[in-house]
Amino acid sequence: MNHSHPTRHRTARRRVRRGFNLVELLMALSISATLLTAVMVALDASFVAYQRTTEQASTQTIGRLTMHRLLTLIRSGEDFGPFPADPLDRVVESNFIDIRLVEGGDVVTIEWRPDEEALYYLESGNEHLLLEGVLAATDPDTGDPIPPFTLEFERGRILYRATIDLSLRPDDNMDVQLDGDWETVLRLVASAQPRRTTFGVE
């Protein structure tokens, strides 16, 4: 009898059942690790880009709303401070601005506190946090810090124009280790005149 056929069948079965050898397994693991690394890098870059865009958009929106509110207070104000220490000076730079909205009424103070990097709203002995992440802008020529409020007076105590200069750090509520040391500061600058100056109302 010829016993060659069963032997061939057993050999074929053994070949079918044969798995990966060590070299093939290592190559498959290397390829999988490379693909997973590439996916993680892409996800990391996408997440950081999304977070930065969200922070900038959020900070810009909040900053503009705050700036609009401050300009409205200045336009509606009747009396302002602080005044220049020298009566001959017309311009004063300050970390705060006093605004009396109604003649004889209470004074509202907007104060920037450098140690807290925050802007506060003070009225009748009460204070409210107005904006966080407010930094000092710097003079490009001298490198000196620029106070956020510049008041220009004319005819003594009458305010001609007030300029607000705010540098804002983007909202970092979502910051994670992936961000590294990236930081972009947004700068908002605007000026306003009281209505009595604009329309000549005494």
Protein backbone atom coordinates (compact mmCIF):
# COMPACT_ATOMS: atom_id res chain seq x y z
CA MET A 1 0.00 0.00 0.00
CA ASN A 2 1.05 3.52 -0.70
CA HIS A 3 1.23 5.59 2.53
CA SER A 4 2.44 8.78 0.90
CA HIS A 5 -0.99 10.45 0.71
CA PRO A 6 -1.77 10.58 4.46
CA THR A 7 1.69 11.96 5.10
CA ARG A 8 1.10 14.76 2.57
CA HIS A 9 -2.22 15.58 4.23
CA ARG A 10 -0.62 15.77 7.67
CA THR A 11 2.12 18.04 6.31
CA ALA A 12 -0.47 20.30 4.65
CA ARG A 13 -2.41 20.54 7.91
CA ARG A 14 0.73 21.50 9.78
CA ARG A 15 1.44 24.26 7.25
CA VAL A 16 -2.08 25.65 7.56
CA ARG A 17 -1.84 25.81 11.35
CA ARG A 18 1.56 27.53 11.29
CA GLY A 19 1.46 31.07 12.95
CA PHE A 20 3.77 34.10 12.92
CA ASN A 21 7.38 33.54 13.78
CA LEU A 22 9.22 35.91 16.14
CA VAL A 23 10.59 38.20 13.41
CA GLU A 24 7.18 38.65 11.78
CA LEU A 25 5.58 39.36 15.16
CA LEU A 26 8.18 42.01 15.98
CA MET A 27 7.68 43.66 12.59
CA ALA A 28 3.90 43.75 13.09
CA LEU A 29 4.33 45.29 16.55
CA SER A 30 6.73 47.90 15.18
CA ILE A 31 4.32 48.91 12.41
CA SER A 32 1.41 49.10 14.88
CA ALA A 33 3.46 51.22 17.30
CA THR A 34 4.47 53.60 14.49
CA LEU A 35 0.87 54.02 13.36
CA LEU A 36 -0.37 54.60 16.90
CA THR A 37 2.37 57.20 17.50
CA ALA A 38 1.43 59.05 14.32
CA VAL A 39 -2.25 59.05 15.32
CA MET A 40 -1.42 60.37 18.82
CA VAL A 41 0.75 63.17 17.39
CA ALA A 42 -2.04 64.19 15.02
CA LEU A 43 -4.63 64.15 17.83
CA ASP A 44 -2.31 66.14 20.10
CA ALA A 45 -1.76 68.84 17.46
CA SER A 46 -5.48 68.99 16.69
CA PHE A 47 -6.43 69.29 20.36
CA VAL A 48 -3.87 72.02 21.11
CA ALA A 49 -4.91 74.01 18.02
CA TYR A 50 -8.58 73.75 19.00
CA GLN A 51 -7.85 74.79 22.58
CA ARG A 52 -5.77 77.80 21.53
CA THR A 53 -8.45 78.99 19.13
CA THR A 54 -11.14 78.56 21.79
CA GLU A 55 -9.12 80.45 24.39
CA GLN A 56 -8.40 83.34 22.04
CA ALA A 57 -12.01 83.61 20.87
CA SER A 58 -13.37 83.47 24.43
CA THR A 59 -10.89 86.03 25.76
CA GLN A 60 -11.46 88.37 22.83
CA THR A 61 -15.23 88.26 23.28
CA ILE A 62 -15.09 88.87 27.04
CA GLY A 63 -12.46 91.59 26.59
CA ARG A 64 -14.51 93.45 24.00
CA LEU A 65 -17.65 93.29 26.14
CA THR A 66 -15.71 94.67 29.12
CA MET A 67 -14.17 97.39 26.98
CA HIS A 68 -17.60 98.36 25.63
CA ARG A 69 -18.96 98.63 29.19
CA LEU A 70 -16.05 100.82 30.31
CA LEU A 71 -16.40 103.13 27.31
CA THR A 72 -20.12 103.46 28.03
CA LEU A 73 -19.35 104.48 31.62
CA ILE A 74 -16.89 107.12 30.40
CA ARG A 75 -19.36 108.54 27.87
CA SER A 76 -22.05 108.74 30.56
CA GLY A 77 -19.81 110.18 33.26
CA GLU A 78 -20.14 113.65 34.75
CA ASP A 79 -16.88 113.87 36.67
CA PHE A 80 -13.62 111.92 36.55
CA GLY A 81 -10.41 111.27 38.42
CA PRO A 82 -7.62 111.05 39.30
CA PHE A 83 -6.36 114.52 38.46
CA PRO A 84 -2.75 115.37 37.56
CA ALA A 85 -0.57 116.11 40.58
CA ASP A 86 0.71 119.23 38.82
CA PRO A 87 -2.10 121.64 37.77
CA LEU A 88 -0.05 122.51 34.69
CA ASP A 89 -0.14 118.90 33.47
CA ARG A 90 -3.02 117.78 31.28
CA VAL A 91 -2.35 114.05 31.13
CA VAL A 92 -2.35 111.49 33.94
CA GLU A 93 -1.66 107.76 33.67
CA SER A 94 -3.15 105.57 36.36
CA ASN A 95 -4.07 102.04 37.42
CA PHE A 96 -7.59 103.25 38.23
CA ILE A 97 -10.24 105.64 37.02
CA ASP A 98 -12.98 107.31 39.09
CA ILE A 99 -16.28 108.02 37.33
CA ARG A 100 -19.20 109.97 38.76
CA LEU A 101 -22.18 109.00 36.62
CA VAL A 102 -24.70 111.51 38.00
CA GLU A 103 -23.92 114.94 39.40
CA GLY A 104 -23.80 114.56 43.17
CA GLY A 105 -24.10 110.78 42.91
CA ASP A 106 -21.79 107.99 43.98
CA VAL A 107 -18.39 107.50 42.39
CA VAL A 108 -17.65 104.30 40.50
CA THR A 109 -14.02 103.17 40.43
CA ILE A 110 -12.48 100.80 37.91
CA GLU A 111 -9.20 99.54 39.38
CA TRP A 112 -6.49 97.35 37.92
CA ARG A 113 -4.53 95.33 40.48
CA PRO A 114 -1.20 94.20 39.01
CA ASP A 115 -0.50 91.64 41.74
CA GLU A 116 -3.79 89.87 40.96
CA GLU A 117 -3.75 90.60 37.21
CA ALA A 118 -7.40 91.54 37.55
CA LEU A 119 -9.74 94.45 36.91
CA TYR A 120 -12.22 95.35 39.67
CA TYR A 121 -15.42 97.39 39.75
CA LEU A 122 -15.90 99.29 43.04
CA GLU A 123 -19.08 101.11 44.02
CA SER A 124 -20.50 102.18 47.41
CA GLY A 125 -17.91 100.17 49.32
CA ASN A 126 -18.58 96.98 47.35
CA GLU A 127 -16.17 95.47 44.87
CA HIS A 128 -16.79 93.05 42.03
CA LEU A 129 -14.31 91.17 39.86
CA LEU A 130 -14.71 92.56 36.37
CA LEU A 131 -12.02 90.80 34.35
CA GLU A 132 -9.18 88.36 35.05
CA GLY A 133 -5.89 87.88 33.24
CA VAL A 134 -5.25 91.62 32.72
CA LEU A 135 -1.52 92.26 32.22
CA ALA A 136 0.52 95.44 31.94
CA ALA A 137 1.22 96.48 28.38
CA THR A 138 4.82 97.52 27.77
CA ASP A 139 6.23 100.48 25.89
CA PRO A 140 8.00 99.06 22.78
CA ASP A 141 10.72 101.74 23.01
CA THR A 142 11.55 101.72 26.73
CA GLY A 143 10.06 98.42 27.88
CA ASP A 144 8.33 100.23 30.76
CA PRO A 145 4.83 99.09 31.81
CA ILE A 146 1.94 101.18 30.53
CA PRO A 147 -0.90 101.84 33.00
CA PRO A 148 -4.30 100.79 31.62
CA PHE A 149 -5.91 104.24 32.01
CA THR A 150 -4.74 107.50 30.45
CA LEU A 151 -6.83 110.63 31.14
CA GLU A 152 -6.44 113.89 29.21
CA PHE A 153 -7.91 116.96 30.88
CA GLU A 154 -8.66 120.43 29.60
CA ARG A 155 -9.89 123.62 31.31
CA GLY A 156 -8.88 122.36 34.72
CA ARG A 157 -10.92 119.36 35.86
CA ILE A 158 -12.85 118.69 32.67
CA LEU A 159 -11.96 115.39 31.03
CA TYR A 160 -11.32 115.68 27.32
CA ARG A 161 -10.58 112.02 26.55
CA ALA A 162 -9.89 108.75 28.35
CA THR A 163 -7.89 105.92 26.79
CA ILE A 164 -8.10 102.33 27.99
CA ASP A 165 -5.22 99.97 27.20
CA LEU A 166 -5.77 96.35 28.26
CA SER A 167 -3.49 93.38 27.65
CA LEU A 168 -5.31 90.10 28.25
CA ARG A 169 -3.96 86.64 28.89
CA PRO A 170 -6.12 84.01 27.11
CA ASP A 171 -8.46 82.03 29.34
CA ASP A 172 -6.49 79.07 30.71
CA ASN A 173 -9.27 77.08 32.35
CA MET A 174 -8.60 74.20 29.94
CA ASP A 175 -4.78 74.30 30.10
CA VAL A 176 -3.04 70.92 30.19
CA GLN A 177 0.51 69.63 29.99
CA LEU A 178 0.28 69.41 26.20
CA ASP A 179 0.24 73.21 25.87
CA GLY A 180 3.89 73.66 26.81
CA ASP A 181 4.91 77.28 27.33
CA TRP A 182 2.76 78.72 24.52
CA GLU A 183 1.05 81.98 25.34
CA THR A 184 -0.42 84.78 23.25
CA VAL A 185 -1.44 88.07 24.86
CA LEU A 186 -4.34 89.98 23.33
CA ARG A 187 -4.19 93.77 23.46
CA LEU A 188 -7.28 95.98 23.32
CA VAL A 189 -6.97 99.77 23.09
CA ALA A 190 -9.86 102.25 22.82
CA SER A 191 -10.66 105.89 23.62
CA ALA A 192 -13.85 107.70 24.55
CA GLN A 193 -15.01 111.23 25.33
CA PRO A 194 -17.69 112.20 27.83
CA ARG A 195 -20.89 113.44 26.22
CA ARG A 196 -20.46 116.87 27.78
CA THR A 197 -17.11 117.19 25.95
CA THR A 198 -18.36 115.72 22.69
CA PHE A 199 -21.52 117.85 22.48
CA GLY A 200 -20.25 120.89 24.40
CA VAL A 201 -22.70 120.40 27.27
CA GLU A 202 -21.78 122.35 30.43
